């Protein structure tokens, strides 16, 4: 008796899920973001100081608040990845995760650009010649990226 292969794409989906489970999508400003050429400071350090605050800088948590606010949207995008894989429309894990990574990066950059409170101190406004919070040279916002790791 010959049994026909009635897989209907399950093996491909199973392979996709195994590959997806080995991946990690990370987004933010990483330690390799480098030095801001205008200020000489490490961009990741500047981001951390603004995210958590110091005794002189108020916390403006642009990463944590974006994650809290956008979690449902990001999860929905991850669900769409699985749906695409189930329907065999696309199964390149890195390409699909990259789409989510771009969404996350754009959301973080939008938060940085939102002029989030509290307002800058008068001395900061005078130095920057701007009241825009979180943006001085634009290097921090430009350094937001994502990585797909195994």
N, C-alpha and C. Protein backbone atom coordinates (compact mmCIF):
# COMPACT_ATOMS: atom_id res chain seq x y z
N UNK A 1 0.84 -1.17 0.00
CA UNK A 1 0.00 0.00 0.00
C UNK A 1 0.89 1.24 0.00
N UNK A 2 0.60 2.17 -0.89
CA UNK A 2 1.34 3.42 -1.01
C UNK A 2 0.54 4.52 -0.33
N UNK A 3 1.21 5.23 0.57
CA UNK A 3 0.56 6.35 1.27
C UNK A 3 1.03 7.64 0.61
N UNK A 4 0.08 8.42 0.18
CA UNK A 4 0.42 9.69 -0.44
C UNK A 4 0.85 10.69 0.63
N UNK A 5 1.75 11.57 0.24
CA UNK A 5 2.20 12.63 1.14
C UNK A 5 1.14 13.73 1.16
N UNK A 6 0.46 13.84 2.26
CA UNK A 6 -0.59 14.86 2.39
C UNK A 6 -0.18 15.92 3.41
N UNK A 7 1.07 16.28 3.37
CA UNK A 7 1.66 17.23 4.33
C UNK A 7 0.95 18.58 4.32
N UNK A 8 0.60 19.11 3.18
CA UNK A 8 -0.06 20.41 3.02
C UNK A 8 0.70 21.56 3.68
N UNK A 9 2.02 21.44 3.69
CA UNK A 9 2.84 22.55 4.19
C UNK A 9 3.20 22.48 5.65
N UNK A 10 2.75 21.46 6.37
CA UNK A 10 3.03 21.40 7.81
C UNK A 10 4.52 21.32 8.08
N UNK A 11 5.25 20.53 7.30
CA UNK A 11 6.70 20.40 7.55
C UNK A 11 7.40 21.75 7.40
N UNK A 12 6.99 22.51 6.41
CA UNK A 12 7.58 23.83 6.23
C UNK A 12 7.25 24.75 7.38
N UNK A 13 6.03 24.69 7.86
CA UNK A 13 5.62 25.52 9.00
C UNK A 13 6.34 25.08 10.26
N UNK A 14 6.48 23.78 10.45
CA UNK A 14 7.20 23.25 11.61
C UNK A 14 8.65 23.73 11.59
N UNK A 15 9.26 23.68 10.41
CA UNK A 15 10.64 24.17 10.26
C UNK A 15 10.71 25.66 10.58
N UNK A 16 9.73 26.42 10.09
CA UNK A 16 9.68 27.86 10.35
C UNK A 16 9.60 28.13 11.85
N UNK A 17 8.71 27.42 12.55
CA UNK A 17 8.55 27.64 13.99
C UNK A 17 9.83 27.29 14.75
N UNK A 18 10.50 26.23 14.35
CA UNK A 18 11.75 25.86 15.01
C UNK A 18 12.81 26.94 14.79
N UNK A 19 12.88 27.46 13.56
CA UNK A 19 13.83 28.53 13.28
C UNK A 19 13.47 29.79 14.05
N UNK A 20 12.18 30.14 14.09
CA UNK A 20 11.73 31.32 14.82
C UNK A 20 12.05 31.22 16.30
N UNK A 21 11.90 30.02 16.87
CA UNK A 21 12.15 29.85 18.30
C UNK A 21 13.62 30.04 18.66
N UNK A 22 14.50 29.98 17.68
CA UNK A 22 15.93 30.18 17.92
C UNK A 22 16.35 31.64 17.77
N UNK A 23 15.42 32.50 17.39
CA UNK A 23 15.74 33.89 17.10
C UNK A 23 15.31 34.81 18.23
N UNK A 24 15.98 35.94 18.31
CA UNK A 24 15.64 36.98 19.28
C UNK A 24 15.70 38.31 18.55
N UNK A 25 14.63 39.09 18.68
CA UNK A 25 14.58 40.42 18.09
C UNK A 25 14.79 41.43 19.21
N UNK A 26 15.81 42.26 19.07
CA UNK A 26 16.11 43.29 20.06
C UNK A 26 16.13 44.63 19.35
N UNK A 27 15.61 45.64 20.02
CA UNK A 27 15.60 46.99 19.44
C UNK A 27 15.97 48.00 20.50
N UNK A 28 16.59 49.07 20.07
CA UNK A 28 16.97 50.13 20.98
C UNK A 28 18.23 50.81 20.52
N UNK A 29 19.00 51.30 21.47
CA UNK A 29 20.28 51.94 21.19
C UNK A 29 21.34 51.07 21.86
N UNK A 30 22.15 50.45 21.07
CA UNK A 30 23.10 49.46 21.56
C UNK A 30 24.46 50.09 21.87
N UNK A 31 25.27 49.37 22.64
CA UNK A 31 26.56 49.89 23.06
C UNK A 31 27.49 50.18 21.88
N UNK A 32 27.23 49.55 20.74
CA UNK A 32 28.08 49.80 19.57
C UNK A 32 27.59 50.98 18.73
N UNK A 33 26.68 51.80 19.28
CA UNK A 33 26.16 52.95 18.54
C UNK A 33 27.23 54.01 18.30
N UNK A 34 28.29 53.95 19.07
CA UNK A 34 29.40 54.86 18.84
C UNK A 34 29.33 56.14 19.64
N UNK A 35 30.11 57.11 19.16
CA UNK A 35 30.27 58.39 19.83
C UNK A 35 29.59 59.46 19.00
N UNK A 36 28.91 60.37 19.68
CA UNK A 36 28.31 61.51 19.00
C UNK A 36 29.46 62.44 18.60
N UNK A 37 29.67 62.67 17.31
CA UNK A 37 30.80 63.49 16.88
C UNK A 37 30.72 64.94 17.36
N UNK A 38 29.52 65.41 17.64
CA UNK A 38 29.38 66.81 18.08
C UNK A 38 29.64 66.99 19.56
N UNK A 39 29.32 65.97 20.37
CA UNK A 39 29.48 66.10 21.81
C UNK A 39 30.65 65.29 22.36
N UNK A 40 31.07 64.25 21.63
CA UNK A 40 32.16 63.40 22.10
C UNK A 40 31.72 62.33 23.08
N UNK A 41 30.44 62.31 23.44
CA UNK A 41 29.96 61.31 24.39
C UNK A 41 29.41 60.09 23.69
N UNK A 42 29.42 58.97 24.42
CA UNK A 42 28.85 57.73 23.87
C UNK A 42 27.33 57.87 23.78
N UNK A 43 26.80 57.53 22.63
CA UNK A 43 25.37 57.68 22.39
C UNK A 43 24.56 56.78 23.32
N UNK A 44 25.02 55.56 23.55
CA UNK A 44 24.29 54.64 24.43
C UNK A 44 24.25 55.18 25.86
N UNK A 45 25.33 55.80 26.30
CA UNK A 45 25.35 56.39 27.65
C UNK A 45 24.35 57.53 27.75
N UNK A 46 24.31 58.38 26.74
CA UNK A 46 23.36 59.49 26.71
C UNK A 46 21.93 58.97 26.75
N UNK A 47 21.67 57.92 26.00
CA UNK A 47 20.33 57.33 25.98
C UNK A 47 19.96 56.79 27.36
N UNK A 48 20.88 56.12 28.01
CA UNK A 48 20.62 55.57 29.34
C UNK A 48 20.36 56.68 30.36
N UNK A 49 21.13 57.74 30.30
CA UNK A 49 20.93 58.86 31.22
C UNK A 49 19.54 59.48 31.05
N UNK A 50 19.10 59.58 29.81
CA UNK A 50 17.77 60.14 29.56
C UNK A 50 16.66 59.15 29.90
N UNK A 51 16.87 57.89 29.65
CA UNK A 51 15.85 56.87 29.94
C UNK A 51 15.57 56.80 31.45
N UNK A 52 16.63 56.82 32.24
CA UNK A 52 16.47 56.62 33.69
C UNK A 52 16.64 57.89 34.51
N UNK A 53 17.23 58.92 33.94
CA UNK A 53 17.45 60.16 34.66
C UNK A 53 18.66 60.11 35.57
N UNK A 54 19.04 61.27 36.06
CA UNK A 54 20.15 61.40 37.01
C UNK A 54 19.70 62.43 38.05
N UNK A 55 20.63 62.83 38.90
CA UNK A 55 20.28 63.87 39.88
C UNK A 55 20.04 65.22 39.20
N UNK A 56 20.54 65.38 37.97
CA UNK A 56 20.38 66.65 37.26
C UNK A 56 19.51 66.55 36.01
N UNK A 57 19.28 65.34 35.53
CA UNK A 57 18.48 65.14 34.32
C UNK A 57 17.23 64.34 34.69
N UNK A 58 16.04 64.86 34.40
CA UNK A 58 14.84 64.08 34.71
C UNK A 58 14.71 62.87 33.78
N UNK A 59 14.14 61.81 34.30
CA UNK A 59 13.93 60.61 33.48
C UNK A 59 12.90 60.90 32.39
N UNK A 60 13.23 60.50 31.19
CA UNK A 60 12.30 60.55 30.05
C UNK A 60 12.37 59.18 29.40
N UNK A 61 11.65 58.22 29.97
CA UNK A 61 11.76 56.82 29.53
C UNK A 61 11.12 56.54 28.17
N UNK A 62 11.85 56.86 27.12
CA UNK A 62 11.34 56.70 25.77
C UNK A 62 11.31 55.25 25.32
N UNK A 63 12.19 54.39 25.84
CA UNK A 63 12.18 52.98 25.47
C UNK A 63 11.08 52.21 26.21
N UNK A 64 11.08 52.36 27.53
CA UNK A 64 10.10 51.60 28.33
C UNK A 64 8.67 52.02 28.04
N UNK A 65 8.43 53.32 27.88
CA UNK A 65 7.06 53.76 27.62
C UNK A 65 6.60 53.34 26.23
N UNK A 66 7.51 53.37 25.27
CA UNK A 66 7.13 52.91 23.92
C UNK A 66 6.77 51.44 23.96
N UNK A 67 7.56 50.64 24.66
CA UNK A 67 7.25 49.21 24.77
C UNK A 67 5.90 48.99 25.43
N UNK A 68 5.64 49.72 26.50
CA UNK A 68 4.35 49.58 27.18
C UNK A 68 3.19 49.99 26.28
N UNK A 69 3.35 51.09 25.58
CA UNK A 69 2.27 51.62 24.75
C UNK A 69 2.04 50.82 23.47
N UNK A 70 3.09 50.22 22.93
CA UNK A 70 2.99 49.57 21.62
C UNK A 70 3.00 48.04 21.69
N UNK A 71 3.02 47.49 22.88
CA UNK A 71 3.12 46.04 23.03
C UNK A 71 2.06 45.28 22.23
N UNK A 72 0.81 45.72 22.30
CA UNK A 72 -0.27 45.02 21.58
C UNK A 72 -0.06 45.09 20.07
N UNK A 73 0.38 46.24 19.58
CA UNK A 73 0.61 46.39 18.14
C UNK A 73 1.76 45.49 17.69
N UNK A 74 2.83 45.45 18.48
CA UNK A 74 3.97 44.61 18.13
C UNK A 74 3.59 43.13 18.17
N UNK A 75 2.79 42.75 19.17
CA UNK A 75 2.34 41.36 19.25
C UNK A 75 1.47 41.01 18.05
N UNK A 76 0.64 41.94 17.62
CA UNK A 76 -0.19 41.72 16.44
C UNK A 76 0.68 41.48 15.21
N UNK A 77 1.77 42.22 15.09
CA UNK A 77 2.68 42.01 13.96
C UNK A 77 3.34 40.64 14.04
N UNK A 78 3.69 40.21 15.24
CA UNK A 78 4.26 38.87 15.39
C UNK A 78 3.23 37.80 15.00
N UNK A 79 1.99 38.03 15.37
CA UNK A 79 0.92 37.09 14.98
C UNK A 79 0.79 37.02 13.47
N UNK A 80 0.96 38.15 12.80
CA UNK A 80 0.88 38.17 11.33
C UNK A 80 2.02 37.37 10.70
N UNK A 81 3.18 37.38 11.35
CA UNK A 81 4.30 36.58 10.86
C UNK A 81 3.91 35.10 10.84
N UNK A 82 3.34 34.65 11.93
CA UNK A 82 2.93 33.25 12.02
C UNK A 82 1.84 32.94 10.99
N UNK A 83 0.92 33.86 10.81
CA UNK A 83 -0.15 33.67 9.81
C UNK A 83 0.45 33.54 8.41
N UNK A 84 1.42 34.38 8.08
CA UNK A 84 2.07 34.29 6.78
C UNK A 84 2.77 32.95 6.60
N UNK A 85 3.40 32.48 7.66
CA UNK A 85 4.08 31.20 7.58
C UNK A 85 3.10 30.05 7.42
N UNK A 86 1.98 30.11 8.14
CA UNK A 86 0.96 29.06 8.03
C UNK A 86 0.42 28.99 6.61
N UNK A 87 0.20 30.14 6.01
CA UNK A 87 -0.37 30.18 4.67
C UNK A 87 0.69 29.98 3.59
N UNK A 88 1.94 29.73 4.00
CA UNK A 88 3.05 29.49 3.07
C UNK A 88 3.31 30.67 2.14
N UNK A 89 2.88 31.85 2.52
CA UNK A 89 3.14 33.01 1.67
C UNK A 89 4.59 33.46 1.78
N UNK A 90 5.15 33.37 2.96
CA UNK A 90 6.55 33.74 3.14
C UNK A 90 7.05 33.06 4.40
N UNK A 91 8.28 32.52 4.30
CA UNK A 91 8.80 31.81 5.45
C UNK A 91 10.23 32.17 5.79
N UNK A 92 10.73 33.26 5.30
CA UNK A 92 12.07 33.70 5.66
C UNK A 92 11.98 34.42 7.01
N UNK A 93 12.41 33.75 8.04
CA UNK A 93 12.27 34.25 9.41
C UNK A 93 12.92 35.62 9.58
N UNK A 94 14.13 35.78 9.07
CA UNK A 94 14.83 37.05 9.25
C UNK A 94 14.11 38.20 8.55
N UNK A 95 13.57 37.94 7.37
CA UNK A 95 12.82 38.98 6.65
C UNK A 95 11.59 39.38 7.45
N UNK A 96 10.85 38.39 7.93
CA UNK A 96 9.63 38.68 8.68
C UNK A 96 9.92 39.38 10.00
N UNK A 97 10.94 38.91 10.72
CA UNK A 97 11.31 39.58 11.97
C UNK A 97 11.85 40.99 11.69
N UNK A 98 12.50 41.17 10.57
CA UNK A 98 13.00 42.49 10.20
C UNK A 98 11.87 43.49 10.02
N UNK A 99 10.73 43.02 9.51
CA UNK A 99 9.57 43.91 9.37
C UNK A 99 9.09 44.40 10.74
N UNK A 100 9.07 43.49 11.69
CA UNK A 100 8.67 43.87 13.05
C UNK A 100 9.73 44.80 13.64
N UNK A 101 11.00 44.49 13.41
CA UNK A 101 12.08 45.34 13.90
C UNK A 101 11.97 46.77 13.40
N UNK A 102 11.64 46.93 12.12
CA UNK A 102 11.47 48.27 11.56
C UNK A 102 10.30 49.00 12.22
N UNK A 103 9.23 48.28 12.48
CA UNK A 103 8.08 48.88 13.16
C UNK A 103 8.47 49.37 14.55
N UNK A 104 9.18 48.54 15.30
CA UNK A 104 9.61 48.90 16.65
C UNK A 104 10.54 50.12 16.60
N UNK A 105 11.50 50.12 15.69
CA UNK A 105 12.43 51.25 15.55
C UNK A 105 11.66 52.53 15.25
N UNK A 106 10.73 52.46 14.33
CA UNK A 106 9.96 53.66 13.98
C UNK A 106 9.15 54.17 15.16
N UNK A 107 8.58 53.25 15.94
CA UNK A 107 7.81 53.67 17.12
C UNK A 107 8.71 54.34 18.16
N UNK A 108 9.90 53.81 18.37
CA UNK A 108 10.83 54.41 19.33
C UNK A 108 11.26 55.79 18.85
N UNK A 109 11.57 55.91 17.57
CA UNK A 109 11.98 57.21 17.02
C UNK A 109 10.85 58.23 17.13
N UNK A 110 9.63 57.77 16.92
CA UNK A 110 8.48 58.67 17.06
C UNK A 110 8.34 59.17 18.49
N UNK A 111 8.59 58.28 19.45
CA UNK A 111 8.52 58.68 20.86
C UNK A 111 9.61 59.70 21.18
N UNK A 112 10.80 59.48 20.68
CA UNK A 112 11.90 60.43 20.91
C UNK A 112 11.52 61.80 20.34
N UNK A 113 10.85 61.81 19.21
CA UNK A 113 10.48 63.06 18.53
C UNK A 113 9.25 63.73 19.15
N UNK A 114 8.61 63.08 20.10
CA UNK A 114 7.32 63.56 20.62
C UNK A 114 7.42 64.72 21.61
N UNK A 115 8.64 65.14 21.94
CA UNK A 115 8.83 66.23 22.91
C UNK A 115 8.21 65.85 24.27
N UNK A 116 8.56 64.66 24.71
CA UNK A 116 7.95 64.14 25.94
C UNK A 116 8.36 64.94 27.17
N UNK A 117 7.45 65.01 28.12
CA UNK A 117 7.73 65.76 29.35
C UNK A 117 8.74 65.03 30.22
N UNK A 118 9.28 65.71 31.19
CA UNK A 118 9.08 67.13 31.52
C UNK A 118 9.86 68.02 30.57
N UNK A 119 9.47 69.29 30.52
CA UNK A 119 10.16 70.22 29.62
C UNK A 119 11.62 70.41 30.03
N UNK A 120 12.42 70.83 29.08
CA UNK A 120 13.82 71.13 29.36
C UNK A 120 13.94 72.32 30.31
N UNK A 121 15.00 72.31 31.08
CA UNK A 121 15.32 73.46 31.94
C UNK A 121 15.67 74.65 31.05
N UNK A 122 15.50 75.83 31.58
CA UNK A 122 15.79 77.05 30.81
C UNK A 122 17.23 77.07 30.32
N UNK A 123 18.17 76.62 31.15
CA UNK A 123 19.58 76.60 30.74
C UNK A 123 19.78 75.65 29.57
N UNK A 124 19.08 74.53 29.59
CA UNK A 124 19.18 73.56 28.48
C UNK A 124 18.59 74.14 27.21
N UNK A 125 17.46 74.82 27.32
CA UNK A 125 16.84 75.45 26.15
C UNK A 125 17.79 76.48 25.54
N UNK A 126 18.44 77.25 26.39
CA UNK A 126 19.36 78.28 25.90
C UNK A 126 20.57 77.64 25.20
N UNK A 127 21.11 76.58 25.79
CA UNK A 127 22.28 75.90 25.20
C UNK A 127 21.93 75.27 23.87
N UNK A 128 20.78 74.59 23.81
CA UNK A 128 20.36 73.89 22.60
C UNK A 128 19.71 74.82 21.57
N UNK A 129 19.28 75.96 22.04
CA UNK A 129 18.49 76.87 21.21
C UNK A 129 17.23 76.17 20.71
N UNK A 130 16.66 75.35 21.62
CA UNK A 130 15.46 74.59 21.31
C UNK A 130 14.84 74.12 22.62
N UNK A 131 13.52 73.97 22.60
CA UNK A 131 12.85 73.43 23.78
C UNK A 131 12.54 71.94 23.60
N UNK A 132 12.93 71.37 22.48
CA UNK A 132 12.67 69.96 22.17
C UNK A 132 13.41 69.05 23.14
N UNK A 133 12.67 68.20 23.83
CA UNK A 133 13.32 67.24 24.74
C UNK A 133 13.85 66.06 23.94
N UNK A 134 14.87 65.43 24.48
CA UNK A 134 15.51 64.23 23.95
C UNK A 134 16.24 64.41 22.62
N UNK A 135 16.13 65.58 22.01
CA UNK A 135 16.84 65.78 20.75
C UNK A 135 17.74 67.00 20.89
N UNK A 136 19.03 66.72 20.76
CA UNK A 136 20.02 67.79 20.76
C UNK A 136 20.64 67.82 19.37
N UNK A 137 21.44 66.80 19.06
CA UNK A 137 22.06 66.73 17.74
C UNK A 137 21.30 65.78 16.80
N UNK A 138 20.43 64.95 17.34
CA UNK A 138 19.71 63.95 16.54
C UNK A 138 20.43 62.63 16.48
N UNK A 139 21.63 62.55 17.05
CA UNK A 139 22.42 61.32 16.98
C UNK A 139 21.75 60.17 17.72
N UNK A 140 21.12 60.45 18.85
CA UNK A 140 20.48 59.38 19.61
C UNK A 140 19.33 58.78 18.80
N UNK A 141 18.47 59.62 18.27
CA UNK A 141 17.34 59.13 17.48
C UNK A 141 17.84 58.35 16.26
N UNK A 142 18.88 58.85 15.62
CA UNK A 142 19.42 58.18 14.43
C UNK A 142 20.06 56.83 14.78
N UNK A 143 20.41 56.63 16.05
CA UNK A 143 21.08 55.40 16.46
C UNK A 143 20.13 54.28 16.86
N UNK A 144 18.84 54.55 16.88
CA UNK A 144 17.88 53.50 17.22
C UNK A 144 17.88 52.47 16.09
N UNK A 145 18.05 51.23 16.44
CA UNK A 145 18.11 50.16 15.45
C UNK A 145 17.60 48.86 16.06
N UNK A 146 17.61 47.82 15.26
CA UNK A 146 17.23 46.51 15.77
C UNK A 146 18.27 45.49 15.35
N UNK A 147 18.28 44.37 16.06
CA UNK A 147 19.16 43.25 15.75
C UNK A 147 18.36 41.96 15.86
N UNK A 148 18.65 41.06 14.97
CA UNK A 148 18.08 39.71 15.05
C UNK A 148 19.24 38.80 15.42
N UNK A 149 19.11 38.14 16.56
CA UNK A 149 20.19 37.29 17.05
C UNK A 149 19.71 35.85 17.17
N UNK A 150 20.66 34.93 17.07
CA UNK A 150 20.35 33.51 17.30
C UNK A 150 20.53 33.18 18.76
